[in-house]
C-alpha atoms as a PDB file:
ATOM      1  CA  UNK A   1       7.345   0.311  21.753  1.00  0.00           C
ATOM      2  CA  UNK A   2       8.205   3.932  20.736  1.00  0.00           C
ATOM      3  CA  UNK A   3       7.425   6.239  23.832  1.00  0.00           C
ATOM      4  CA  UNK A   4       4.691   8.877  23.449  1.00  0.00           C
ATOM      5  CA  UNK A   5       7.249  11.507  24.121  1.00  0.00           C
ATOM      6  CA  UNK A   6       9.975  10.346  21.549  1.00  0.00           C
ATOM      7  CA  UNK A   7      11.316  12.872  19.226  1.00  0.00           C
ATOM      8  CA  UNK A   8      12.572  12.147  15.801  1.00  0.00           C
ATOM      9  CA  UNK A   9      15.791  13.032  14.432  1.00  0.00           C
ATOM     10  CA  UNK A  10      15.459  15.693  11.881  1.00  0.00           C
ATOM     11  CA  UNK A  11      17.892  14.109   9.310  1.00  0.00           C
ATOM     12  CA  UNK A  12      16.989  10.699   7.949  1.00  0.00           C
ATOM     13  CA  UNK A  13      19.214   7.823   6.620  1.00  0.00           C
ATOM     14  CA  UNK A  14      18.935   6.712   2.827  1.00  0.00           C
ATOM     15  CA  UNK A  15      18.279   3.125   3.000  1.00  0.00           C
ATOM     16  CA  UNK A  16      17.063   2.776  -0.851  1.00  0.00           C
ATOM     17  CA  UNK A  17      17.866   4.494  -4.017  1.00  0.00           C
ATOM     18  CA  UNK A  18      19.026   8.014  -3.506  1.00  0.00           C
ATOM     19  CA  UNK A  19      20.960   8.143  -6.975  1.00  0.00           C
ATOM     20  CA  UNK A  20      18.479   9.952  -9.079  1.00  0.00           C
ATOM     21  CA  UNK A  21      15.593   8.441 -10.842  1.00  0.00           C
ATOM     22  CA  UNK A  22      16.699   5.444 -13.232  1.00  0.00           C
ATOM     23  CA  UNK A  23      16.246   1.794 -13.937  1.00  0.00           C
ATOM     24  CA  UNK A  24      19.491   0.612 -12.269  1.00  0.00           C
ATOM     25  CA  UNK A  25      19.517  -1.620  -9.038  1.00  0.00           C
ATOM     26  CA  UNK A  26      20.829   1.633  -7.351  1.00  0.00           C
ATOM     27  CA  UNK A  27      17.831   3.614  -8.249  1.00  0.00           C
ATOM     28  CA  UNK A  28      14.129   4.133  -8.021  1.00  0.00           C
ATOM     29  CA  UNK A  29      11.619   6.112 -10.309  1.00  0.00           C
ATOM     30  CA  UNK A  30       8.657   7.254  -8.589  1.00  0.00           C
ATOM     31  CA  UNK A  31       8.769   5.030  -5.563  1.00  0.00           C
ATOM     32  CA  UNK A  32       5.053   4.454  -3.812  1.00  0.00           C
ATOM     33  CA  UNK A  33       4.054   1.864  -1.242  1.00  0.00           C
ATOM     34  CA  UNK A  34       6.636   0.302   0.868  1.00  0.00           C
ATOM     35  CA  UNK A  35       6.453  -2.744   3.487  1.00  0.00           C
ATOM     36  CA  UNK A  36       9.200  -3.185   6.053  1.00  0.00           C
ATOM     37  CA  UNK A  37       9.676  -6.763   7.477  1.00  0.00           C
ATOM     38  CA  UNK A  38      10.702  -8.010  10.701  1.00  0.00           C
ATOM     39  CA  UNK A  39      14.353  -8.335   9.840  1.00  0.00           C
ATOM     40  CA  UNK A  40      14.084  -4.654   8.380  1.00  0.00           C
ATOM     41  CA  UNK A  41      14.188  -5.954   4.779  1.00  0.00           C
ATOM     42  CA  UNK A  42      12.325  -3.280   2.830  1.00  0.00           C
ATOM     43  CA  UNK A  43      10.122  -3.864  -0.302  1.00  0.00           C
ATOM     44  CA  UNK A  44       9.128  -1.015  -2.717  1.00  0.00           C
ATOM     45  CA  UNK A  45       6.545  -0.502  -5.310  1.00  0.00           C
ATOM     46  CA  UNK A  46       8.900   1.184  -8.021  1.00  0.00           C
ATOM     47  CA  UNK A  47       5.977   2.637  -9.720  1.00  0.00           C
ATOM     48  CA  UNK A  48       7.515   3.936 -13.063  1.00  0.00           C
ATOM     49  CA  UNK A  49       9.936   1.040 -13.295  1.00  0.00           C
ATOM     50  CA  UNK A  50       7.115  -1.303 -13.161  1.00  0.00           C
ATOM     51  CA  UNK A  51       8.704  -3.497 -10.642  1.00  0.00           C
ATOM     52  CA  UNK A  52       9.122  -4.418  -6.908  1.00  0.00           C
ATOM     53  CA  UNK A  53      12.659  -3.618  -5.356  1.00  0.00           C
ATOM     54  CA  UNK A  54      13.984  -5.084  -2.254  1.00  0.00           C
ATOM     55  CA  UNK A  55      16.702  -3.644  -0.021  1.00  0.00           C
ATOM     56  CA  UNK A  56      17.992  -5.880   2.774  1.00  0.00           C
ATOM     57  CA  UNK A  57      19.110  -4.298   5.910  1.00  0.00           C
ATOM     58  CA  UNK A  58      22.650  -3.160   5.678  1.00  0.00           C
ATOM     59  CA  UNK A  59      22.899  -3.274   1.798  1.00  0.00           C
ATOM     60  CA  UNK A  60      22.094   0.424   0.964  1.00  0.00           C
ATOM     61  CA  UNK A  61      24.077   0.254  -2.403  1.00  0.00           C
ATOM     62  CA  UNK A  62      22.117  -2.014  -4.740  1.00  0.00           C
ATOM     63  CA  UNK A  63      18.536  -3.379  -4.298  1.00  0.00           C
ATOM     64  CA  UNK A  64      17.075  -6.544  -6.014  1.00  0.00           C
ATOM     65  CA  UNK A  65      14.266  -6.878  -8.259  1.00  0.00           C
ATOM     66  CA  UNK A  66      11.914  -9.364  -6.749  1.00  0.00           C
ATOM     67  CA  UNK A  67       8.739  -8.859  -9.216  1.00  0.00           C
ATOM     68  CA  UNK A  68       8.202  -7.304 -12.524  1.00  0.00           C
ATOM     69  CA  UNK A  69      11.126  -5.240 -14.076  1.00  0.00           C
ATOM     70  CA  UNK A  70      10.171  -6.553 -17.497  1.00  0.00           C
ATOM     71  CA  UNK A  71       8.747  -3.310 -18.714  1.00  0.00           C
ATOM     72  CA  UNK A  72       5.025  -2.026 -18.367  1.00  0.00           C
ATOM     73  CA  UNK A  73       2.596  -4.820 -19.626  1.00  0.00           C
ATOM     74  CA  UNK A  74      -0.229  -7.294 -18.327  1.00  0.00           C
ATOM     75  CA  UNK A  75       1.697 -10.604 -18.913  1.00  0.00           C
ATOM     76  CA  UNK A  76       1.992 -12.595 -15.499  1.00  0.00           C
ATOM     77  CA  UNK A  77       5.685 -11.720 -15.789  1.00  0.00           C
ATOM     78  CA  UNK A  78       4.997  -8.236 -15.766  1.00  0.00           C
ATOM     79  CA  UNK A  79       3.537  -5.111 -13.671  1.00  0.00           C
ATOM     80  CA  UNK A  80       1.998  -2.228 -14.826  1.00  0.00           C
ATOM     81  CA  UNK A  81       2.462   0.971 -12.298  1.00  0.00           C
ATOM     82  CA  UNK A  82       2.600  -1.184  -9.029  1.00  0.00           C
ATOM     83  CA  UNK A  83       1.305   1.283  -5.954  1.00  0.00           C
ATOM     84  CA  UNK A  84       1.613  -0.923  -3.068  1.00  0.00           C
ATOM     85  CA  UNK A  85       3.105  -4.245  -1.812  1.00  0.00           C
ATOM     86  CA  UNK A  86       3.164  -6.309   1.387  1.00  0.00           C
ATOM     87  CA  UNK A  87       4.950  -9.453   2.469  1.00  0.00           C
ATOM     88  CA  UNK A  88       2.972 -12.406   3.475  1.00  0.00           C
ATOM     89  CA  UNK A  89       5.020 -14.333   5.814  1.00  0.00           C
ATOM     90  CA  UNK A  90       2.874 -17.465   5.832  1.00  0.00           C
ATOM     91  CA  UNK A  91       3.213 -18.211   2.257  1.00  0.00           C
ATOM     92  CA  UNK A  92       6.820 -16.372   1.745  1.00  0.00           C
ATOM     93  CA  UNK A  93       5.098 -14.345  -1.128  1.00  0.00           C
ATOM     94  CA  UNK A  94       4.758 -10.710  -2.088  1.00  0.00           C
ATOM     95  CA  UNK A  95       1.102  -9.386  -2.627  1.00  0.00           C
ATOM     96  CA  UNK A  96       1.117  -6.498  -5.101  1.00  0.00           C
ATOM     97  CA  UNK A  97      -1.499  -3.732  -6.063  1.00  0.00           C
ATOM     98  CA  UNK A  98      -0.897  -3.676  -9.997  1.00  0.00           C
ATOM     99  CA  UNK A  99      -2.741  -0.534 -10.497  1.00  0.00           C
ATOM    100  CA  UNK A 100      -2.177  -0.196 -14.110  1.00  0.00           C
ATOM    101  CA  UNK A 101      -3.445  -3.565 -14.666  1.00  0.00           C
ATOM    102  CA  UNK A 102      -6.486  -3.316 -12.342  1.00  0.00           C
ATOM    103  CA  UNK A 103      -5.468  -6.201 -10.487  1.00  0.00           C
ATOM    104  CA  UNK A 104      -4.071  -7.698  -7.160  1.00  0.00           C
ATOM    105  CA  UNK A 105      -1.339 -10.203  -7.716  1.00  0.00           C
ATOM    106  CA  UNK A 106       0.981 -12.511  -5.666  1.00  0.00           C
ATOM    107  CA  UNK A 107       4.566 -13.435  -6.369  1.00  0.00           C
ATOM    108  CA  UNK A 108       6.567 -15.890  -4.524  1.00  0.00           C
ATOM    109  CA  UNK A 109       9.705 -14.633  -2.800  1.00  0.00           C
ATOM    110  CA  UNK A 110      11.574 -17.964  -3.635  1.00  0.00           C
ATOM    111  CA  UNK A 111      14.724 -17.309  -6.002  1.00  0.00           C
ATOM    112  CA  UNK A 112      13.864 -18.218  -9.479  1.00  0.00           C
ATOM    113  CA  UNK A 113      10.360 -16.832  -9.597  1.00  0.00           C
ATOM    114  CA  UNK A 114       9.606 -15.381 -12.831  1.00  0.00           C
ATOM    115  CA  UNK A 115       6.024 -14.627 -12.687  1.00  0.00           C
ATOM    116  CA  UNK A 116       3.081 -13.850 -10.375  1.00  0.00           C
ATOM    117  CA  UNK A 117      -0.582 -15.225 -10.120  1.00  0.00           C
ATOM    118  CA  UNK A 118      -3.958 -13.012 -10.176  1.00  0.00           C
ATOM    119  CA  UNK A 119      -5.640 -13.027  -6.725  1.00  0.00           C
ATOM    120  CA  UNK A 120      -8.386 -10.216  -7.496  1.00  0.00           C
ATOM    121  CA  UNK A 121      -8.850  -8.686 -10.845  1.00  0.00           C
ATOM    122  CA  UNK A 122     -11.054  -6.084 -12.505  1.00  0.00           C
ATOM    123  CA  UNK A 123     -10.200  -3.829  -9.309  1.00  0.00           C
ATOM    124  CA  UNK A 124      -9.133  -0.373  -9.263  1.00  0.00           C
ATOM    125  CA  UNK A 125      -6.671  -1.058  -6.482  1.00  0.00           C
ATOM    126  CA  UNK A 126      -4.318   1.385  -4.794  1.00  0.00           C
ATOM    127  CA  UNK A 127      -3.511   0.132  -1.361  1.00  0.00           C
ATOM    128  CA  UNK A 128      -3.201  -3.244   0.260  1.00  0.00           C
ATOM    129  CA  UNK A 129      -2.981  -4.242   3.932  1.00  0.00           C
ATOM    130  CA  UNK A 130      -3.247  -7.586   5.977  1.00  0.00           C
ATOM    131  CA  UNK A 131      -4.370  -8.383   9.314  1.00  0.00           C
ATOM    132  CA  UNK A 132      -3.347 -10.900  11.854  1.00  0.00           C
ATOM    133  CA  UNK A 133      -5.659 -13.408  10.485  1.00  0.00           C
ATOM    134  CA  UNK A 134      -4.463 -13.113   6.969  1.00  0.00           C
ATOM    135  CA  UNK A 135      -7.471 -11.252   5.827  1.00  0.00           C
ATOM    136  CA  UNK A 136      -6.439  -8.975   2.852  1.00  0.00           C
ATOM    137  CA  UNK A 137      -7.913  -5.342   2.525  1.00  0.00           C
ATOM    138  CA  UNK A 138      -7.865  -3.623  -0.841  1.00  0.00           C
ATOM    139  CA  UNK A 139      -8.864   0.014  -1.411  1.00  0.00           C
ATOM    140  CA  UNK A 140     -10.629   0.615  -4.758  1.00  0.00           C
ATOM    141  CA  UNK A 141     -10.030   4.416  -5.643  1.00  0.00           C
ATOM    142  CA  UNK A 142     -12.695   4.437  -8.304  1.00  0.00           C
ATOM    143  CA  UNK A 143     -15.590   2.894  -6.475  1.00  0.00           C
ATOM    144  CA  UNK A 144     -14.387   4.746  -3.121  1.00  0.00           C
ATOM    145  CA  UNK A 145     -14.557   1.790  -0.895  1.00  0.00           C
ATOM    146  CA  UNK A 146     -12.281  -0.740   0.871  1.00  0.00           C
ATOM    147  CA  UNK A 147     -12.946  -4.436   0.781  1.00  0.00           C
ATOM    148  CA  UNK A 148     -11.782  -7.222   2.924  1.00  0.00           C
ATOM    149  CA  UNK A 149     -10.922 -10.794   1.214  1.00  0.00           C
ATOM    150  CA  UNK A 150     -10.207 -14.191   2.483  1.00  0.00           C
ATOM    151  CA  UNK A 151      -7.318 -15.076   0.088  1.00  0.00           C
ATOM    152  CA  UNK A 152      -8.711 -16.852  -2.899  1.00  0.00           C
ATOM    153  CA  UNK A 153     -12.011 -14.905  -2.712  1.00  0.00           C
ATOM    154  CA  UNK A 154     -13.050 -12.721  -5.468  1.00  0.00           C
ATOM    155  CA  UNK A 155     -15.838 -10.451  -4.084  1.00  0.00           C
ATOM    156  CA  UNK A 156     -14.836  -9.687  -0.806  1.00  0.00           C
ATOM    157  CA  UNK A 157     -16.637  -7.991   2.028  1.00  0.00           C
ATOM    158  CA  UNK A 158     -17.195  -4.204   2.266  1.00  0.00           C
ATOM    159  CA  UNK A 159     -15.489  -2.667   5.390  1.00  0.00           C
ATOM    160  CA  UNK A 160     -15.258   1.073   4.537  1.00  0.00           C
ATOM    161  CA  UNK A 161     -17.072   3.359   2.063  1.00  0.00           C
ATOM    162  CA  UNK A 162     -19.109   1.955  -0.673  1.00  0.00           C
ATOM    163  CA  UNK A 163     -21.737   4.711  -0.543  1.00  0.00           C
ATOM    164  CA  UNK A 164     -20.227   6.748  -3.759  1.00  0.00           C
ATOM    165  CA  UNK A 165     -17.818   9.508  -3.890  1.00  0.00           C
ATOM    166  CA  UNK A 166     -18.243  12.082  -1.175  1.00  0.00           C
ATOM    167  CA  UNK A 167     -17.270  13.571   2.380  1.00  0.00           C
ATOM    168  CA  UNK A 168     -19.817  12.233   4.538  1.00  0.00           C
ATOM    169  CA  UNK A 169     -18.736   9.867   7.424  1.00  0.00           C
ATOM    170  CA  UNK A 170     -20.021   6.905   5.518  1.00  0.00           C
ATOM    171  CA  UNK A 171     -18.266   7.785   2.249  1.00  0.00           C
ATOM    172  CA  UNK A 172     -14.646   8.209   0.880  1.00  0.00           C
ATOM    173  CA  UNK A 173     -13.225  10.154  -2.029  1.00  0.00           C
ATOM    174  CA  UNK A 174     -10.208   8.278  -3.680  1.00  0.00           C
ATOM    175  CA  UNK A 175      -9.115   5.975  -0.930  1.00  0.00           C
ATOM    176  CA  UNK A 176      -5.372   5.082  -1.275  1.00  0.00           C
ATOM    177  CA  UNK A 177      -3.229   3.673   1.423  1.00  0.00           C
ATOM    178  CA  UNK A 178      -4.448   1.461   4.260  1.00  0.00           C
ATOM    179  CA  UNK A 179      -3.401   0.287   7.851  1.00  0.00           C
ATOM    180  CA  UNK A 180      -5.204  -2.389   9.661  1.00  0.00           C
ATOM    181  CA  UNK A 181      -4.735  -2.555  13.590  1.00  0.00           C
ATOM    182  CA  UNK A 182      -4.804  -5.659  15.863  1.00  0.00           C
ATOM    183  CA  UNK A 183      -8.717  -4.807  16.513  1.00  0.00           C
ATOM    184  CA  UNK A 184      -9.220  -4.967  12.708  1.00  0.00           C
ATOM    185  CA  UNK A 185     -10.071  -1.488  12.641  1.00  0.00           C
ATOM    186  CA  UNK A 186      -9.052   0.078   9.144  1.00  0.00           C
ATOM    187  CA  UNK A 187      -7.350   3.377   8.718  1.00  0.00           C
ATOM    188  CA  UNK A 188      -7.931   4.963   5.411  1.00  0.00           C
ATOM    189  CA  UNK A 189      -5.882   7.811   3.461  1.00  0.00           C
ATOM    190  CA  UNK A 190      -8.904   9.484   2.244  1.00  0.00           C
ATOM    191  CA  UNK A 191      -6.942  11.306  -0.535  1.00  0.00           C
ATOM    192  CA  UNK A 192      -9.404  13.831  -1.871  1.00  0.00           C
ATOM    193  CA  UNK A 193     -11.091  14.542   1.322  1.00  0.00           C
ATOM    194  CA  UNK A 194      -7.854  15.492   2.931  1.00  0.00           C
ATOM    195  CA  UNK A 195      -8.351  13.350   5.707  1.00  0.00           C
ATOM    196  CA  UNK A 196      -7.461   9.923   7.449  1.00  0.00           C
ATOM    197  CA  UNK A 197     -10.466   7.938   8.393  1.00  0.00           C
ATOM    198  CA  UNK A 198     -10.774   4.962  10.918  1.00  0.00           C
ATOM    199  CA  UNK A 199     -13.546   2.387  10.482  1.00  0.00           C
ATOM    200  CA  UNK A 200     -14.151   0.293  13.277  1.00  0.00           C
ATOM    201  CA  UNK A 201     -14.768  -3.402  12.381  1.00  0.00           C
ATOM    202  CA  UNK A 202     -18.397  -3.751  11.352  1.00  0.00           C
ATOM    203  CA  UNK A 203     -19.261  -0.003  11.375  1.00  0.00           C
ATOM    204  CA  UNK A 204     -21.336   1.663   8.889  1.00  0.00           C
ATOM    205  CA  UNK A 205     -19.489   4.842   9.121  1.00  0.00           C
ATOM    206  CA  UNK A 206     -15.901   6.163   9.946  1.00  0.00           C
ATOM    207  CA  UNK A 207     -14.424   8.592  12.249  1.00  0.00           C
ATOM    208  CA  UNK A 208     -12.036  11.319  11.183  1.00  0.00           C
ATOM    209  CA  UNK A 209      -8.556  10.817  12.913  1.00  0.00           C
ATOM    210  CA  UNK A 210      -6.605  13.546  11.174  1.00  0.00           C
ATOM    211  CA  UNK A 211      -7.366  16.338   8.791  1.00  0.00           C
ATOM    212  CA  UNK A 212     -10.809  16.863   7.190  1.00  0.00           C
ATOM    213  CA  UNK A 213     -10.566  20.576   7.761  1.00  0.00           C
ATOM    214  CA  UNK A 214     -10.012  21.059   3.964  1.00  0.00           C
ATOM    215  CA  UNK A 215      -6.779  20.795   2.012  1.00  0.00           C
ATOM    216  CA  UNK A 216      -3.669  23.091   3.526  1.00  0.00           C
ATOM    217  CA  UNK A 217      -0.810  23.269   5.336  1.00  0.00           C
ATOM    218  CA  UNK A 218      -1.767  24.177   8.994  1.00  0.00           C
ATOM    219  CA  UNK A 219      -1.229  21.395  11.679  1.00  0.00           C
ATOM    220  CA  UNK A 220      -4.983  20.611  11.513  1.00  0.00           C
ATOM    221  CA  UNK A 221      -5.068  19.996   7.910  1.00  0.00           C
ATOM    222  CA  UNK A 222      -3.661  17.499   5.334  1.00  0.00           C
ATOM    223  CA  UNK A 223      -3.126  17.984   1.629  1.00  0.00           C
ATOM    224  CA  UNK A 224      -3.964  14.747  -0.535  1.00  0.00           C
ATOM    225  CA  UNK A 225      -2.581  12.206   2.070  1.00  0.00           C
ATOM    226  CA  UNK A 226      -1.128   9.153   0.929  1.00  0.00           C
ATOM    227  CA  UNK A 227       0.940   6.671   3.199  1.00  0.00           C
ATOM    228  CA  UNK A 228      -0.247   5.821   6.558  1.00  0.00           C
ATOM    229  CA  UNK A 229       1.249   3.990   9.740  1.00  0.00           C
ATOM    230  CA  UNK A 230      -0.376   3.724  13.097  1.00  0.00           C
ATOM    231  CA  UNK A 231       1.732   3.121  16.010  1.00  0.00           C
END
């Protein structure tokens, strides 16, 4: 646990990439969502390289391509602009938001895996998250909503937004990244509303927990928020 009065070092340490943009295994090109496993293995959605990269703790030189990396395309061996990824420990697999292909896919982490399988298709996904009961949460930035899925389910249950694009408490405007806490409350980066929303399980509207004061750089404002983590 991080104490409430902890102060962060102002200079971070590079753990992945840092060698300009490119396609080599020591490079990234427009990295977006990332997930850190218990052993501090990091998987990264390498958006413009159409691949998922894995960096193991201590290996800061080269990463490993663990999904995609075969150019942009809609084959099961390809990705097209992935925006987010998580590790499902139960099945030892990656669950990926394959943004450009409008689908959520699963790739096994076992060595020798050459293609994925489609979990959900025809969805304008941006972010993915999983709760402690292995329900999958996916943001749909075009429908301005977040849905919860049992693995294998195609339609899911609405858990946030779904009332059209807008800035009401029951609305979202381009939801991107997600975080689900142990109470199954969903935190949503509500990108074009410049705010972070919290939707308690079963709620019909959310609560503004950060931003919501228009776009700006003051301490009360956010400017197109993306990644989110709740401690």
